[in-house]
Amino acid sequence: MGLLLAFALILSYVETLIPLATGIPGVKLGLANLAVVLCLYLFGAGKAALLTMAKSILSGFLFGNLFMILYSLGGAGTSILVMTLLKKSCRFHIPAVSAAGGVAHNLGQLLVAFFVVKTYGVVSYMPILIIAGLVTGLAVGLTASLVLPYIQRIIHHVEGVL
């Protein structure tokens, strides 16, 4: 879990170095969510929820501010809930689960923004945020589906040695 949290924080930092000129606040690549998706499939929903909350709080303190933490927690909570439900249904592959998590994350952040700014204007960002969450979530899910078998093999090997 410590390695996954460190991995998530490193990816959060890398993400701050990549400028995205979308003009839409909150649109990010979501690289750190790779650690969350891997955790969900390796260790289950409880540990993935703990990881995503710790990632949100720590990355906010390290690379953002209090409002970033608030938005991140709103997105992380909805994302992990949606991904957990889809994973438990056993009907979706990792990329689809991750894509739905990306969309849910952006919608969760939008909901927090709605309550913070108290205006309906933030809803106009919804179509772009849905598309961005879908695309970035799909990319993260595809990466996770490629990497996961190797990590599982390493874990199985280490458990066999111990």
N, C-alpha and C. Protein backbone atom coordinates (compact mmCIF):
# COMPACT_ATOMS: atom_id res chain seq x y z
N MET A 1 0.83 -1.19 0.00
CA MET A 1 0.00 0.00 0.00
C MET A 1 0.87 1.26 0.00
N GLY A 2 1.96 1.20 0.76
CA GLY A 2 2.87 2.35 0.80
C GLY A 2 3.48 2.63 -0.56
N LEU A 3 3.83 1.57 -1.27
CA LEU A 3 4.40 1.74 -2.61
C LEU A 3 3.36 2.33 -3.57
N LEU A 4 2.13 1.86 -3.46
CA LEU A 4 1.08 2.40 -4.33
C LEU A 4 0.81 3.88 -4.02
N LEU A 5 0.84 4.25 -2.73
CA LEU A 5 0.64 5.65 -2.37
C LEU A 5 1.80 6.51 -2.89
N ALA A 6 3.02 6.01 -2.74
CA ALA A 6 4.18 6.74 -3.26
C ALA A 6 4.07 6.88 -4.78
N PHE A 7 3.68 5.82 -5.45
CA PHE A 7 3.49 5.83 -6.90
C PHE A 7 2.44 6.86 -7.29
N ALA A 8 1.33 6.89 -6.57
CA ALA A 8 0.26 7.85 -6.86
C ALA A 8 0.74 9.29 -6.66
N LEU A 9 1.51 9.52 -5.61
CA LEU A 9 1.99 10.88 -5.35
C LEU A 9 3.02 11.31 -6.39
N ILE A 10 3.85 10.39 -6.82
CA ILE A 10 4.81 10.71 -7.89
C ILE A 10 4.06 11.06 -9.18
N LEU A 11 3.04 10.26 -9.51
CA LEU A 11 2.26 10.55 -10.71
C LEU A 11 1.49 11.86 -10.58
N SER A 12 1.04 12.18 -9.37
CA SER A 12 0.38 13.48 -9.14
C SER A 12 1.35 14.62 -9.40
N TYR A 13 2.58 14.44 -8.96
CA TYR A 13 3.59 15.47 -9.20
C TYR A 13 3.90 15.60 -10.69
N VAL A 14 4.08 14.49 -11.36
CA VAL A 14 4.35 14.50 -12.80
C VAL A 14 3.22 15.21 -13.53
N GLU A 15 2.01 14.97 -13.07
CA GLU A 15 0.84 15.59 -13.71
C GLU A 15 0.85 17.11 -13.57
N THR A 16 1.42 17.63 -12.48
CA THR A 16 1.51 19.08 -12.33
C THR A 16 2.50 19.69 -13.31
N LEU A 17 3.40 18.87 -13.84
CA LEU A 17 4.41 19.35 -14.78
C LEU A 17 3.92 19.36 -16.23
N ILE A 18 2.79 18.72 -16.48
CA ILE A 18 2.26 18.60 -17.84
C ILE A 18 1.14 19.63 -18.00
N PRO A 19 1.40 20.68 -18.77
CA PRO A 19 0.35 21.70 -18.95
C PRO A 19 -0.73 21.22 -19.92
N LEU A 20 -1.97 21.39 -19.52
CA LEU A 20 -3.09 21.09 -20.40
C LEU A 20 -3.83 22.41 -20.66
N ALA A 21 -3.80 22.84 -21.89
CA ALA A 21 -4.43 24.12 -22.26
C ALA A 21 -5.86 23.88 -22.74
N THR A 22 -6.71 23.40 -21.84
CA THR A 22 -8.10 23.13 -22.22
C THR A 22 -9.00 24.31 -21.96
N GLY A 23 -8.61 25.19 -21.04
CA GLY A 23 -9.46 26.31 -20.68
C GLY A 23 -10.57 25.93 -19.72
N ILE A 24 -10.64 24.66 -19.38
CA ILE A 24 -11.67 24.17 -18.46
C ILE A 24 -11.00 23.82 -17.13
N PRO A 25 -11.43 24.43 -16.04
CA PRO A 25 -10.82 24.09 -14.75
C PRO A 25 -11.13 22.65 -14.36
N GLY A 26 -10.12 21.99 -13.82
CA GLY A 26 -10.31 20.62 -13.33
C GLY A 26 -9.98 19.53 -14.32
N VAL A 27 -9.71 19.85 -15.57
CA VAL A 27 -9.37 18.82 -16.55
C VAL A 27 -7.90 18.45 -16.36
N LYS A 28 -7.68 17.19 -15.99
CA LYS A 28 -6.32 16.68 -15.79
C LYS A 28 -6.24 15.30 -16.41
N LEU A 29 -5.03 14.80 -16.52
CA LEU A 29 -4.83 13.48 -17.11
C LEU A 29 -5.26 12.34 -16.19
N GLY A 30 -5.23 12.55 -14.90
CA GLY A 30 -5.63 11.50 -13.96
C GLY A 30 -4.63 10.38 -13.84
N LEU A 31 -3.36 10.68 -14.05
CA LEU A 31 -2.32 9.65 -14.02
C LEU A 31 -2.27 8.91 -12.69
N ALA A 32 -2.46 9.63 -11.58
CA ALA A 32 -2.37 9.02 -10.26
C ALA A 32 -3.46 7.98 -10.03
N ASN A 33 -4.53 8.06 -10.80
CA ASN A 33 -5.61 7.08 -10.64
C ASN A 33 -5.20 5.69 -11.12
N LEU A 34 -4.08 5.61 -11.81
CA LEU A 34 -3.55 4.29 -12.17
C LEU A 34 -3.28 3.48 -10.91
N ALA A 35 -2.71 4.12 -9.90
CA ALA A 35 -2.43 3.43 -8.64
C ALA A 35 -3.72 2.98 -7.97
N VAL A 36 -4.76 3.80 -8.06
CA VAL A 36 -6.05 3.45 -7.44
C VAL A 36 -6.69 2.26 -8.14
N VAL A 37 -6.68 2.27 -9.46
CA VAL A 37 -7.27 1.16 -10.22
C VAL A 37 -6.50 -0.13 -9.94
N LEU A 38 -5.17 -0.04 -9.93
CA LEU A 38 -4.37 -1.23 -9.61
C LEU A 38 -4.69 -1.74 -8.21
N CYS A 39 -4.80 -0.84 -7.26
CA CYS A 39 -5.11 -1.21 -5.88
C CYS A 39 -6.48 -1.88 -5.79
N LEU A 40 -7.45 -1.36 -6.51
CA LEU A 40 -8.80 -1.93 -6.51
C LEU A 40 -8.77 -3.39 -6.96
N TYR A 41 -7.99 -3.68 -7.99
CA TYR A 41 -7.94 -5.04 -8.52
C TYR A 41 -6.96 -5.95 -7.77
N LEU A 42 -6.01 -5.37 -7.08
CA LEU A 42 -5.06 -6.18 -6.32
C LEU A 42 -5.52 -6.45 -4.90
N PHE A 43 -6.08 -5.42 -4.24
CA PHE A 43 -6.35 -5.52 -2.81
C PHE A 43 -7.79 -5.26 -2.41
N GLY A 44 -8.64 -4.87 -3.34
CA GLY A 44 -10.05 -4.68 -3.02
C GLY A 44 -10.46 -3.23 -2.81
N ALA A 45 -11.77 -3.07 -2.63
CA ALA A 45 -12.38 -1.75 -2.57
C ALA A 45 -11.98 -0.96 -1.33
N GLY A 46 -11.90 -1.61 -0.20
CA GLY A 46 -11.57 -0.90 1.04
C GLY A 46 -10.21 -0.24 0.99
N LYS A 47 -9.23 -1.00 0.56
CA LYS A 47 -7.87 -0.44 0.47
C LYS A 47 -7.77 0.59 -0.65
N ALA A 48 -8.50 0.38 -1.74
CA ALA A 48 -8.49 1.35 -2.83
C ALA A 48 -9.12 2.67 -2.37
N ALA A 49 -10.19 2.59 -1.57
CA ALA A 49 -10.82 3.80 -1.04
C ALA A 49 -9.86 4.53 -0.11
N LEU A 50 -9.18 3.78 0.74
CA LEU A 50 -8.20 4.38 1.64
C LEU A 50 -7.07 5.04 0.85
N LEU A 51 -6.60 4.36 -0.18
CA LEU A 51 -5.53 4.90 -1.02
C LEU A 51 -5.95 6.19 -1.71
N THR A 52 -7.13 6.20 -2.30
CA THR A 52 -7.57 7.37 -3.06
C THR A 52 -7.82 8.56 -2.13
N MET A 53 -8.29 8.30 -0.93
CA MET A 53 -8.49 9.41 0.02
C MET A 53 -7.14 9.95 0.50
N ALA A 54 -6.20 9.05 0.81
CA ALA A 54 -4.87 9.49 1.24
C ALA A 54 -4.17 10.25 0.11
N LYS A 55 -4.31 9.77 -1.11
CA LYS A 55 -3.72 10.44 -2.27
C LYS A 55 -4.31 11.84 -2.44
N SER A 56 -5.60 11.96 -2.30
CA SER A 56 -6.26 13.26 -2.45
C SER A 56 -5.77 14.26 -1.41
N ILE A 57 -5.69 13.82 -0.17
CA ILE A 57 -5.28 14.73 0.91
C ILE A 57 -3.80 15.09 0.78
N LEU A 58 -2.95 14.08 0.61
CA LEU A 58 -1.51 14.36 0.55
C LEU A 58 -1.12 15.16 -0.70
N SER A 59 -1.67 14.81 -1.84
CA SER A 59 -1.31 15.56 -3.06
C SER A 59 -1.85 16.99 -2.98
N GLY A 60 -2.97 17.17 -2.31
CA GLY A 60 -3.49 18.52 -2.11
C GLY A 60 -2.56 19.36 -1.26
N PHE A 61 -2.06 18.77 -0.18
CA PHE A 61 -1.12 19.50 0.68
C PHE A 61 0.21 19.75 -0.03
N LEU A 62 0.65 18.77 -0.82
CA LEU A 62 1.95 18.89 -1.49
C LEU A 62 1.91 19.79 -2.72
N PHE A 63 0.85 19.70 -3.51
CA PHE A 63 0.85 20.36 -4.82
C PHE A 63 -0.34 21.30 -5.04
N GLY A 64 -1.15 21.50 -4.02
CA GLY A 64 -2.36 22.30 -4.24
C GLY A 64 -2.71 23.15 -3.05
N ASN A 65 -4.00 23.12 -2.72
CA ASN A 65 -4.51 23.91 -1.61
C ASN A 65 -5.73 23.22 -1.02
N LEU A 66 -6.37 23.87 -0.06
CA LEU A 66 -7.51 23.27 0.62
C LEU A 66 -8.67 23.01 -0.33
N PHE A 67 -8.91 23.93 -1.27
CA PHE A 67 -10.00 23.71 -2.22
C PHE A 67 -9.70 22.53 -3.14
N MET A 68 -8.44 22.37 -3.52
CA MET A 68 -8.07 21.23 -4.35
C MET A 68 -8.36 19.93 -3.61
N ILE A 69 -8.08 19.90 -2.32
CA ILE A 69 -8.36 18.71 -1.51
C ILE A 69 -9.86 18.44 -1.49
N LEU A 70 -10.66 19.47 -1.30
CA LEU A 70 -12.11 19.33 -1.26
C LEU A 70 -12.65 18.77 -2.57
N TYR A 71 -12.22 19.35 -3.69
CA TYR A 71 -12.67 18.87 -5.00
C TYR A 71 -12.18 17.43 -5.24
N SER A 72 -10.94 17.18 -4.89
CA SER A 72 -10.37 15.86 -5.10
C SER A 72 -11.09 14.79 -4.30
N LEU A 73 -11.42 15.10 -3.05
CA LEU A 73 -12.14 14.13 -2.21
C LEU A 73 -13.53 13.85 -2.76
N GLY A 74 -14.21 14.89 -3.25
CA GLY A 74 -15.53 14.69 -3.85
C GLY A 74 -15.46 13.79 -5.07
N GLY A 75 -14.48 14.05 -5.91
CA GLY A 75 -14.31 13.22 -7.10
C GLY A 75 -13.86 11.81 -6.76
N ALA A 76 -12.94 11.70 -5.82
CA ALA A 76 -12.41 10.38 -5.44
C ALA A 76 -13.49 9.51 -4.83
N GLY A 77 -14.33 10.10 -4.00
CA GLY A 77 -15.40 9.33 -3.36
C GLY A 77 -16.39 8.77 -4.36
N THR A 78 -16.83 9.61 -5.30
CA THR A 78 -17.79 9.12 -6.30
C THR A 78 -17.13 8.13 -7.25
N SER A 79 -15.87 8.38 -7.58
CA SER A 79 -15.15 7.50 -8.49
C SER A 79 -14.98 6.09 -7.90
N ILE A 80 -14.52 6.03 -6.66
CA ILE A 80 -14.27 4.70 -6.07
C ILE A 80 -15.59 3.95 -5.86
N LEU A 81 -16.65 4.67 -5.55
CA LEU A 81 -17.96 4.04 -5.39
C LEU A 81 -18.42 3.41 -6.71
N VAL A 82 -18.35 4.18 -7.79
CA VAL A 82 -18.77 3.68 -9.10
C VAL A 82 -17.89 2.52 -9.55
N MET A 83 -16.58 2.66 -9.41
CA MET A 83 -15.67 1.60 -9.85
C MET A 83 -15.89 0.32 -9.04
N THR A 84 -16.13 0.45 -7.75
CA THR A 84 -16.36 -0.72 -6.90
C THR A 84 -17.64 -1.45 -7.34
N LEU A 85 -18.70 -0.70 -7.57
CA LEU A 85 -19.96 -1.32 -8.00
C LEU A 85 -19.81 -2.02 -9.35
N LEU A 86 -19.14 -1.38 -10.29
CA LEU A 86 -18.96 -2.00 -11.61
C LEU A 86 -18.05 -3.22 -11.54
N LYS A 87 -17.00 -3.15 -10.73
CA LYS A 87 -16.10 -4.30 -10.59
C LYS A 87 -16.83 -5.48 -9.96
N LYS A 88 -17.65 -5.20 -8.93
CA LYS A 88 -18.39 -6.27 -8.25
C LYS A 88 -19.41 -6.93 -9.16
N SER A 89 -19.90 -6.21 -10.15
CA SER A 89 -20.89 -6.79 -11.06
C SER A 89 -20.26 -7.85 -11.97
N CYS A 90 -18.95 -7.82 -12.12
CA CYS A 90 -18.20 -8.77 -12.96
C CYS A 90 -18.64 -8.72 -14.43
N ARG A 91 -19.21 -7.62 -14.86
CA ARG A 91 -19.66 -7.49 -16.24
C ARG A 91 -18.77 -6.59 -17.08
N PHE A 92 -17.82 -5.91 -16.41
CA PHE A 92 -17.02 -4.92 -17.12
C PHE A 92 -15.54 -5.21 -16.98
N HIS A 93 -14.79 -4.93 -18.04
CA HIS A 93 -13.34 -5.07 -18.00
C HIS A 93 -12.73 -3.83 -17.36
N ILE A 94 -11.47 -3.93 -17.01
CA ILE A 94 -10.78 -2.85 -16.31
C ILE A 94 -10.89 -1.50 -17.03
N PRO A 95 -10.67 -1.43 -18.35
CA PRO A 95 -10.78 -0.12 -19.00
C PRO A 95 -12.17 0.52 -18.84
N ALA A 96 -13.22 -0.27 -18.91
CA ALA A 96 -14.57 0.27 -18.75
C ALA A 96 -14.81 0.74 -17.32
N VAL A 97 -14.34 -0.03 -16.36
CA VAL A 97 -14.48 0.35 -14.95
C VAL A 97 -13.74 1.65 -14.69
N SER A 98 -12.52 1.75 -15.21
CA SER A 98 -11.72 2.95 -15.03
C SER A 98 -12.33 4.16 -15.74
N ALA A 99 -12.85 3.95 -16.94
CA ALA A 99 -13.49 5.05 -17.68
C ALA A 99 -14.71 5.57 -16.92
N ALA A 100 -15.52 4.67 -16.39
CA ALA A 100 -16.67 5.09 -15.58
C ALA A 100 -16.20 5.82 -14.33
N GLY A 101 -15.10 5.36 -13.76
CA GLY A 101 -14.52 6.05 -12.60
C GLY A 101 -14.04 7.44 -12.95
N GLY A 102 -13.47 7.60 -14.13
CA GLY A 102 -13.02 8.92 -14.58
C GLY A 102 -14.18 9.89 -14.75
N VAL A 103 -15.25 9.40 -15.35
CA VAL A 103 -16.45 10.23 -15.51
C VAL A 103 -17.04 10.57 -14.15
N ALA A 104 -17.15 9.57 -13.27
CA ALA A 104 -17.71 9.79 -11.93
C ALA A 104 -16.85 10.78 -11.14
N HIS A 105 -15.54 10.69 -11.31
CA HIS A 105 -14.64 11.60 -10.61
C HIS A 105 -14.93 13.04 -11.02
N ASN A 106 -15.05 13.28 -12.31
CA ASN A 106 -15.32 14.63 -12.79
C ASN A 106 -16.71 15.12 -12.38
N LEU A 107 -17.68 14.22 -12.38
CA LEU A 107 -19.03 14.62 -11.95
C LEU A 107 -19.06 14.90 -10.45
N GLY A 108 -18.31 14.14 -9.67
CA GLY A 108 -18.21 14.39 -8.24
C GLY A 108 -17.57 15.74 -7.96
N GLN A 109 -16.53 16.07 -8.71
CA GLN A 109 -15.89 17.37 -8.56
C GLN A 109 -16.84 18.50 -8.98
N LEU A 110 -17.60 18.26 -10.02
CA LEU A 110 -18.56 19.25 -10.50
C LEU A 110 -19.64 19.49 -9.44
N LEU A 111 -20.07 18.44 -8.78
CA LEU A 111 -21.05 18.56 -7.72
C LEU A 111 -20.50 19.40 -6.56
N VAL A 112 -19.25 19.15 -6.18
CA VAL A 112 -18.62 19.94 -5.14
C VAL A 112 -18.53 21.40 -5.58
N ALA A 113 -18.13 21.62 -6.83
CA ALA A 113 -18.02 22.99 -7.35
C ALA A 113 -19.37 23.69 -7.32
N PHE A 114 -20.42 22.96 -7.64
CA PHE A 114 -21.77 23.54 -7.63
C PHE A 114 -22.11 24.06 -6.23
N PHE A 115 -21.78 23.28 -5.20
CA PHE A 115 -22.09 23.71 -3.84
C PHE A 115 -21.14 24.80 -3.33
N VAL A 116 -19.92 24.82 -3.84
CA VAL A 116 -18.96 25.83 -3.40
C VAL A 116 -19.27 27.19 -4.03
N VAL A 117 -19.50 27.22 -5.34
CA VAL A 117 -19.73 28.51 -6.01
C VAL A 117 -21.20 28.91 -6.05
N LYS A 118 -22.08 27.96 -5.75
CA LYS A 118 -23.52 28.20 -5.66
C LYS A 118 -24.09 28.88 -6.92
N THR A 119 -23.71 28.33 -8.07
CA THR A 119 -24.26 28.84 -9.33
C THR A 119 -24.43 27.67 -10.30
N TYR A 120 -25.42 27.79 -11.16
CA TYR A 120 -25.67 26.75 -12.16
C TYR A 120 -24.68 26.81 -13.32
N GLY A 121 -23.88 27.86 -13.40
CA GLY A 121 -22.94 28.03 -14.50
C GLY A 121 -21.93 26.90 -14.62
N VAL A 122 -21.57 26.28 -13.49
CA VAL A 122 -20.58 25.21 -13.54
C VAL A 122 -21.10 23.99 -14.30
N VAL A 123 -22.42 23.86 -14.39
CA VAL A 123 -23.00 22.72 -15.09
C VAL A 123 -22.66 22.76 -16.59
N SER A 124 -22.35 23.95 -17.11
CA SER A 124 -22.02 24.06 -18.53
C SER A 124 -20.72 23.31 -18.87
N TYR A 125 -19.89 23.03 -17.86
CA TYR A 125 -18.67 22.28 -18.08
C TYR A 125 -18.91 20.77 -18.21
N MET A 126 -20.11 20.32 -17.86
CA MET A 126 -20.39 18.89 -17.77
C MET A 126 -20.05 18.10 -19.04
N PRO A 127 -20.46 18.50 -20.23
CA PRO A 127 -20.15 17.68 -21.41
C PRO A 127 -18.64 17.48 -21.62
N ILE A 128 -17.88 18.54 -21.46
CA ILE A 128 -16.44 18.44 -21.66
C ILE A 128 -15.81 17.59 -20.57
N LEU A 129 -16.27 17.75 -19.33
CA LEU A 129 -15.72 16.95 -18.24
C LEU A 129 -16.07 15.48 -18.38
N ILE A 130 -17.24 15.17 -18.91
CA ILE A 130 -17.62 13.77 -19.14
C ILE A 130 -16.70 13.16 -20.20
N ILE A 131 -16.50 13.88 -21.29
CA ILE A 131 -15.62 13.37 -22.35
C ILE A 131 -14.19 13.22 -21.84
N ALA A 132 -13.70 14.22 -21.12
CA ALA A 132 -12.33 14.16 -20.58
C ALA A 132 -12.19 12.98 -19.62
N GLY A 133 -13.16 12.79 -18.74
CA GLY A 133 -13.11 11.68 -17.79
C GLY A 133 -13.15 10.33 -18.50
N LEU A 134 -13.95 10.25 -19.54
CA LEU A 134 -14.06 9.02 -20.32
C LEU A 134 -12.73 8.68 -21.00
N VAL A 135 -12.14 9.66 -21.65
CA VAL A 135 -10.90 9.45 -22.39
C VAL A 135 -9.74 9.13 -21.44
N THR A 136 -9.57 9.96 -20.41
CA THR A 136 -8.45 9.73 -19.49
C THR A 136 -8.65 8.45 -18.68
N GLY A 137 -9.90 8.20 -18.27
CA GLY A 137 -10.19 6.96 -17.54
C GLY A 137 -9.94 5.72 -18.38
N LEU A 138 -10.28 5.79 -19.64
CA LEU A 138 -10.03 4.67 -20.56
C LEU A 138 -8.53 4.43 -20.72
N ALA A 139 -7.77 5.51 -20.87
CA ALA A 139 -6.31 5.37 -21.00
C ALA A 139 -5.70 4.77 -19.74
N VAL A 140 -6.13 5.24 -18.59
CA VAL A 140 -5.64 4.69 -17.32
C VAL A 140 -6.03 3.22 -17.19
N GLY A 141 -7.27 2.90 -17.57
CA GLY A 141 -7.73 1.50 -17.49
C GLY A 141 -6.99 0.58 -18.43
N LEU A 142 -6.71 1.05 -19.63
CA LEU A 142 -5.94 0.23 -20.57
C LEU A 142 -4.53 -0.02 -20.03
N THR A 143 -3.93 1.01 -19.47
CA THR A 143 -2.60 0.86 -18.87
C THR A 143 -2.65 -0.12 -17.72
N ALA A 144 -3.65 0.02 -16.86
CA ALA A 144 -3.78 -0.89 -15.71
C ALA A 144 -3.98 -2.33 -16.17
N SER A 145 -4.77 -2.54 -17.21
CA SER A 145 -5.01 -3.91 -17.68
C SER A 145 -3.75 -4.53 -18.28
N LEU A 146 -2.85 -3.71 -18.80
CA LEU A 146 -1.59 -4.22 -19.33
C LEU A 146 -0.58 -4.52 -18.23
N VAL A 147 -0.58 -3.70 -17.19
CA VAL A 147 0.41 -3.81 -16.12
C VAL A 147 -0.01 -4.83 -15.05
N LEU A 148 -1.29 -4.95 -14.79
CA LEU A 148 -1.80 -5.77 -13.70
C LEU A 148 -1.30 -7.22 -13.71
N PRO A 149 -1.30 -7.92 -14.85
CA PRO A 149 -0.83 -9.31 -14.82
C PRO A 149 0.63 -9.45 -14.35
N TYR A 150 1.46 -8.49 -14.71
CA TYR A 150 2.86 -8.54 -14.28
C TYR A 150 2.99 -8.32 -12.77
N ILE A 151 2.21 -7.37 -12.25
CA ILE A 151 2.25 -7.13 -10.80
C ILE A 151 1.71 -8.34 -10.05
N GLN A 152 0.64 -8.93 -10.55
CA GLN A 152 0.09 -10.13 -9.90
C GLN A 152 1.09 -11.27 -9.92
N ARG A 153 1.82 -11.42 -11.00
CA ARG A 153 2.85 -12.46 -11.09
C ARG A 153 3.96 -12.21 -10.08
N ILE A 154 4.37 -10.95 -9.93
CA ILE A 154 5.41 -10.61 -8.95
C ILE A 154 4.92 -10.90 -7.54
N ILE A 155 3.70 -10.48 -7.23
CA ILE A 155 3.14 -10.72 -5.89
C ILE A 155 3.05 -12.21 -5.62
N HIS A 156 2.58 -12.98 -6.59
CA HIS A 156 2.44 -14.44 -6.43
C HIS A 156 3.82 -15.07 -6.20
N HIS A 157 4.82 -14.59 -6.95
CA HIS A 157 6.18 -15.11 -6.79
C HIS A 157 6.74 -14.81 -5.41
N VAL A 158 6.52 -13.56 -4.96
CA VAL A 158 7.03 -13.16 -3.63
C VAL A 158 6.33 -13.94 -2.54
N GLU A 159 5.02 -14.15 -2.66
CA GLU A 159 4.29 -14.93 -1.65
C GLU A 159 4.76 -16.38 -1.64
N GLY A 160 5.13 -16.90 -2.80
CA GLY A 160 5.63 -18.27 -2.88
C GLY A 160 6.99 -18.42 -2.22
N VAL A 161 7.80 -17.38 -2.27
CA VAL A 161 9.12 -17.40 -1.67
C VAL A 161 9.02 -17.29 -0.15
N LEU A 162 8.08 -16.47 0.32
CA LEU A 162 7.92 -16.28 1.75
C LEU A 162 7.21 -17.45 2.30
